Amino acid sequence: MSLRKKVSYVGLKDLPYDLVDTDPLSLDFFRIVDFPDNFQAGKNLFKLRAHPRNFADGAEIYIEILDYNGTPIYYEPLKYREADGTRVVSVYIYPDTSPGPAVVYLASRARINPETGEQYPFSSDGESPNFKQIPNLLWQRPITVQPLARNNNEIIYTRQPTIAIQEVVQPYLQPVDVFNVQTTVTGSGGASVTCTPVTTAPPISMPGFELFTGLLEERD
């Protein structure tokens, strides 16, 4: 039995933010490329391609997924990037994951409000209240969890599959038919088997053999 992967509760939804992105595809920030209709049994994927200019330089993207009961659902960003820079997040749904509505949260540090043009300060100083790793932007999107539904998500190989071929040597056994088997039953009820060897080799013809045999008979 495989070990269940877990993630701790962060509480992204409870933090204060300057911006709350209500666009389902977050076109100005996270740019959701692919998002499933629901989370099914096993691994599920959603994809994003962050805007190259609207985030603070070096800002991280934080993820949290909460089920119906507010329990964190395990997720894992894949070590995989598509040719256009799209990143993939894998979400694990186990049989005992609470079915029903869930919410996916993404948070990060925005440097600008595209609608108003307002600039937001950010700093590389970890002690600053404007530290670039303190998020000021939240995006959320609801989704339904169906832990017993058949999974039809895309399969992504993060490593190139390999095939191992190994030669196996087996002895070749040829069956031999046994003929002229005689069974003798004794008075005590036991049985003995007598086998007469059978040769399948053709007879050998030796020149002069008949003459030699005749000479032996005359001598006698």
Protein backbone atom coordinates (compact mmCIF):
# COMPACT_ATOMS: atom_id res chain seq x y z
CA MET A 1 0.00 0.00 0.00
CA SER A 2 1.43 3.40 -0.99
CA LEU A 3 1.81 6.17 1.58
CA ARG A 4 -0.66 9.02 1.39
CA LYS A 5 0.90 12.40 0.69
CA LYS A 6 -0.19 15.32 2.86
CA VAL A 7 0.21 19.10 2.92
CA SER A 8 -0.19 21.49 5.83
CA TYR A 9 -2.87 24.15 6.10
CA VAL A 10 -1.60 27.62 5.18
CA GLY A 11 -4.74 29.78 5.22
CA LEU A 12 -4.12 31.85 2.10
CA LYS A 13 -7.75 32.94 2.07
CA ASP A 14 -7.36 34.58 5.50
CA LEU A 15 -4.48 36.93 4.60
CA PRO A 16 -4.98 40.64 3.71
CA TYR A 17 -4.58 41.50 0.03
CA ASP A 18 -4.38 44.61 -2.12
CA LEU A 19 -5.88 42.76 -5.09
CA VAL A 20 -8.43 39.96 -5.43
CA ASP A 21 -8.49 38.58 -8.95
CA THR A 22 -12.02 37.46 -9.89
CA ASP A 23 -11.25 36.49 -13.50
CA PRO A 24 -11.76 32.67 -13.81
CA LEU A 25 -8.73 32.49 -16.12
CA SER A 26 -6.70 35.24 -14.36
CA LEU A 27 -5.59 36.66 -17.71
CA ASP A 28 -3.74 39.59 -16.07
CA PHE A 29 -1.75 37.50 -13.62
CA PHE A 30 -1.65 33.70 -13.33
CA ARG A 31 -3.04 33.00 -16.82
CA ILE A 32 -4.78 29.68 -16.29
CA VAL A 33 -4.16 27.65 -19.44
CA ASP A 34 -6.03 24.47 -18.53
CA PHE A 35 -8.38 23.84 -15.61
CA PRO A 36 -10.50 20.67 -15.22
CA ASP A 37 -14.26 20.65 -14.72
CA ASN A 38 -13.75 18.55 -11.58
CA PHE A 39 -11.11 16.70 -9.62
CA GLN A 40 -11.41 12.93 -10.12
CA ALA A 41 -9.84 9.88 -8.48
CA GLY A 42 -6.05 9.90 -8.57
CA LYS A 43 -3.86 12.63 -10.05
CA ASN A 44 -5.43 15.69 -11.65
CA LEU A 45 -3.72 18.50 -13.52
CA PHE A 46 -4.17 22.21 -14.02
CA LYS A 47 -1.81 24.46 -15.95
CA LEU A 48 -0.77 28.10 -15.67
CA ARG A 49 1.58 30.49 -17.43
CA ALA A 50 2.26 33.49 -15.20
CA HIS A 51 2.26 36.99 -16.70
CA PRO A 52 5.90 38.04 -17.34
CA ARG A 53 5.57 41.68 -16.18
CA ASN A 54 2.76 42.04 -13.63
CA PHE A 55 4.50 40.26 -10.75
CA ALA A 56 7.31 41.47 -8.52
CA ASP A 57 10.70 40.21 -9.71
CA GLY A 58 11.43 36.83 -8.16
CA ALA A 59 8.05 36.53 -6.43
CA GLU A 60 6.87 33.04 -5.61
CA ILE A 61 3.43 31.64 -6.39
CA TYR A 62 1.66 30.06 -3.43
CA ILE A 63 -0.98 27.35 -3.85
CA GLU A 64 -3.61 26.01 -1.50
CA ILE A 65 -6.55 23.71 -2.26
CA LEU A 66 -9.22 23.17 0.38
CA ASP A 67 -11.97 20.55 0.25
CA TYR A 68 -15.57 20.93 1.47
CA ASN A 69 -14.46 20.62 5.11
CA GLY A 70 -11.61 23.10 4.75
CA THR A 71 -9.02 20.30 4.78
CA PRO A 72 -5.98 20.84 2.53
CA ILE A 73 -5.78 18.67 -0.58
CA TYR A 74 -2.28 17.59 -1.56
CA TYR A 75 -0.81 19.23 -4.65
CA GLU A 76 2.58 19.05 -6.29
CA PRO A 77 4.10 21.36 -8.95
CA LEU A 78 5.69 19.09 -11.54
CA LYS A 79 9.31 19.48 -12.58
CA TYR A 80 8.09 20.01 -16.08
CA ARG A 81 7.70 23.03 -18.33
CA GLU A 82 6.11 23.13 -21.75
CA ALA A 83 7.77 24.91 -24.66
CA ASP A 84 5.77 28.13 -24.10
CA GLY A 85 6.66 28.26 -20.39
CA THR A 86 3.43 26.68 -19.11
CA ARG A 87 3.81 25.07 -15.70
CA VAL A 88 1.78 22.10 -14.45
CA VAL A 89 0.37 21.42 -10.98
CA SER A 90 -0.70 17.90 -10.01
CA VAL A 91 -3.54 17.49 -7.49
CA TYR A 92 -4.01 14.19 -5.63
CA ILE A 93 -7.54 12.96 -4.91
CA TYR A 94 -7.78 9.92 -2.61
CA PRO A 95 -10.84 7.68 -2.06
CA ASP A 96 -11.54 9.31 1.32
CA THR A 97 -11.14 12.91 0.09
CA SER A 98 -14.34 14.77 0.90
CA PRO A 99 -16.60 14.90 -2.18
CA GLY A 100 -18.34 18.08 -3.18
CA PRO A 101 -17.24 21.69 -3.65
CA ALA A 102 -13.61 22.68 -3.14
CA VAL A 103 -11.61 25.84 -3.84
CA VAL A 104 -8.23 26.37 -5.49
CA TYR A 105 -6.30 29.42 -4.22
CA LEU A 106 -3.28 31.07 -5.86
CA ALA A 107 -1.42 33.97 -4.27
CA SER A 108 1.66 36.01 -5.14
CA ARG A 109 3.17 39.52 -5.11
CA ALA A 110 1.78 41.82 -7.81
CA ARG A 111 3.77 44.89 -8.86
CA ILE A 112 0.95 46.65 -10.71
CA ASN A 113 -2.82 46.81 -10.99
CA PRO A 114 -3.44 46.48 -14.76
CA GLU A 115 -6.88 48.12 -14.51
CA THR A 116 -5.85 51.26 -12.59
CA GLY A 117 -2.11 51.39 -13.29
CA GLU A 118 -1.38 51.57 -9.54
CA GLN A 119 2.14 50.42 -8.63
CA TYR A 120 2.79 48.28 -5.57
CA PRO A 121 6.18 48.49 -3.86
CA PHE A 122 8.24 45.38 -3.27
CA SER A 123 11.60 44.72 -1.63
CA SER A 124 14.19 41.95 -1.43
CA ASP A 125 14.64 42.71 2.28
CA GLY A 126 13.10 39.88 4.29
CA GLU A 127 12.39 42.30 7.15
CA SER A 128 10.44 44.75 4.99
CA PRO A 129 6.62 44.76 5.09
CA ASN A 130 6.85 44.94 1.28
CA PHE A 131 9.04 41.84 1.00
CA LYS A 132 8.49 40.33 -2.44
CA GLN A 133 7.55 36.95 -0.97
CA ILE A 134 4.65 38.41 1.04
CA PRO A 135 1.64 38.01 -1.27
CA ASN A 136 -0.66 40.94 -2.00
CA LEU A 137 -2.71 39.22 -4.73
CA LEU A 138 -5.25 36.38 -4.37
CA TRP A 139 -7.03 34.37 -7.05
CA GLN A 140 -9.55 31.64 -6.32
CA ARG A 141 -11.73 29.30 -8.31
CA PRO A 142 -14.28 26.71 -7.13
CA ILE A 143 -14.18 23.12 -8.35
CA THR A 144 -16.05 19.91 -7.57
CA VAL A 145 -14.27 16.89 -6.08
CA GLN A 146 -15.44 13.46 -7.26
CA PRO A 147 -13.15 10.93 -5.55
CA LEU A 148 -14.87 7.91 -7.11
CA ALA A 149 -15.08 9.23 -10.68
CA ARG A 150 -12.93 7.68 -13.39
CA ASN A 151 -9.87 9.78 -14.14
CA ASN A 152 -9.48 11.05 -17.71
CA ASN A 153 -6.64 13.54 -17.13
CA GLU A 154 -3.68 13.90 -19.43
CA ILE A 155 -0.63 11.75 -18.62
CA ILE A 156 2.64 13.69 -18.51
CA TYR A 157 6.02 11.96 -18.34
CA THR A 158 8.49 14.09 -16.39
CA ARG A 159 11.23 11.65 -17.44
CA GLN A 160 11.65 9.94 -20.79
CA PRO A 161 10.32 6.35 -20.57
CA THR A 162 12.93 3.61 -21.04
CA ILE A 163 12.68 -0.02 -22.11
CA ALA A 164 14.98 -2.76 -20.78
CA ILE A 165 15.52 -5.84 -22.97
CA GLN A 166 17.23 -8.94 -21.54
CA GLU A 167 17.98 -12.22 -23.28
CA VAL A 168 16.68 -15.32 -21.49
CA VAL A 169 18.30 -18.67 -22.41
CA GLN A 170 16.07 -21.73 -21.95
CA PRO A 171 17.04 -25.40 -22.62
CA TYR A 172 15.30 -27.00 -25.59
CA LEU A 173 13.73 -30.31 -24.64
CA GLN A 174 12.52 -32.69 -27.37
CA PRO A 175 10.00 -35.37 -26.38
CA VAL A 176 11.04 -38.98 -27.13
CA ASP A 177 8.40 -41.62 -27.93
CA VAL A 178 8.92 -45.00 -26.23
CA PHE A 179 7.74 -48.11 -28.10
CA ASN A 180 7.62 -51.84 -27.33
CA VAL A 181 6.79 -51.46 -23.67
CA GLN A 182 5.74 -54.77 -22.10
CA THR A 183 3.93 -54.86 -18.77
CA THR A 184 4.04 -58.08 -16.69
CA VAL A 185 1.61 -58.53 -13.82
CA THR A 186 2.80 -60.83 -11.01
CA GLY A 187 0.66 -62.97 -8.77
CA SER A 188 0.96 -60.48 -5.93
CA GLY A 189 -0.60 -57.80 -8.04
CA GLY A 190 2.64 -55.95 -8.69
CA ALA A 191 3.63 -54.93 -12.13
CA SER A 192 6.98 -54.75 -13.84
CA VAL A 193 7.72 -52.90 -17.03
CA THR A 194 10.16 -54.09 -19.66
CA CYS A 195 11.30 -51.67 -22.29
CA THR A 196 12.86 -52.76 -25.55
CA PRO A 197 15.15 -50.09 -26.97
CA VAL A 198 14.18 -49.03 -30.44
CA THR A 199 16.72 -47.65 -32.88
CA THR A 200 15.59 -45.39 -35.64
CA ALA A 201 18.95 -45.43 -37.46
CA PRO A 202 18.83 -47.02 -40.95
CA PRO A 203 20.63 -50.40 -41.44
CA ILE A 204 24.26 -50.21 -42.58
CA SER A 205 25.07 -52.00 -45.81
CA MET A 206 28.67 -53.36 -45.81
CA PRO A 207 30.11 -54.55 -49.16
CA GLY A 208 31.16 -58.30 -49.10
CA PHE A 209 29.26 -59.02 -45.94
CA GLU A 210 27.12 -61.69 -47.59
CA LEU A 211 30.24 -63.41 -49.11
CA PHE A 212 32.01 -63.35 -45.76
CA THR A 213 29.01 -64.95 -44.12
CA GLY A 214 28.90 -67.70 -46.77
CA LEU A 215 32.55 -68.53 -46.24
CA LEU A 216 31.97 -68.95 -42.53
CA GLU A 217 29.10 -71.36 -43.21
CA GLU A 218 31.23 -73.48 -45.61
CA ARG A 219 34.03 -73.63 -43.07
CA ASP A 220 31.67 -74.95 -40.45
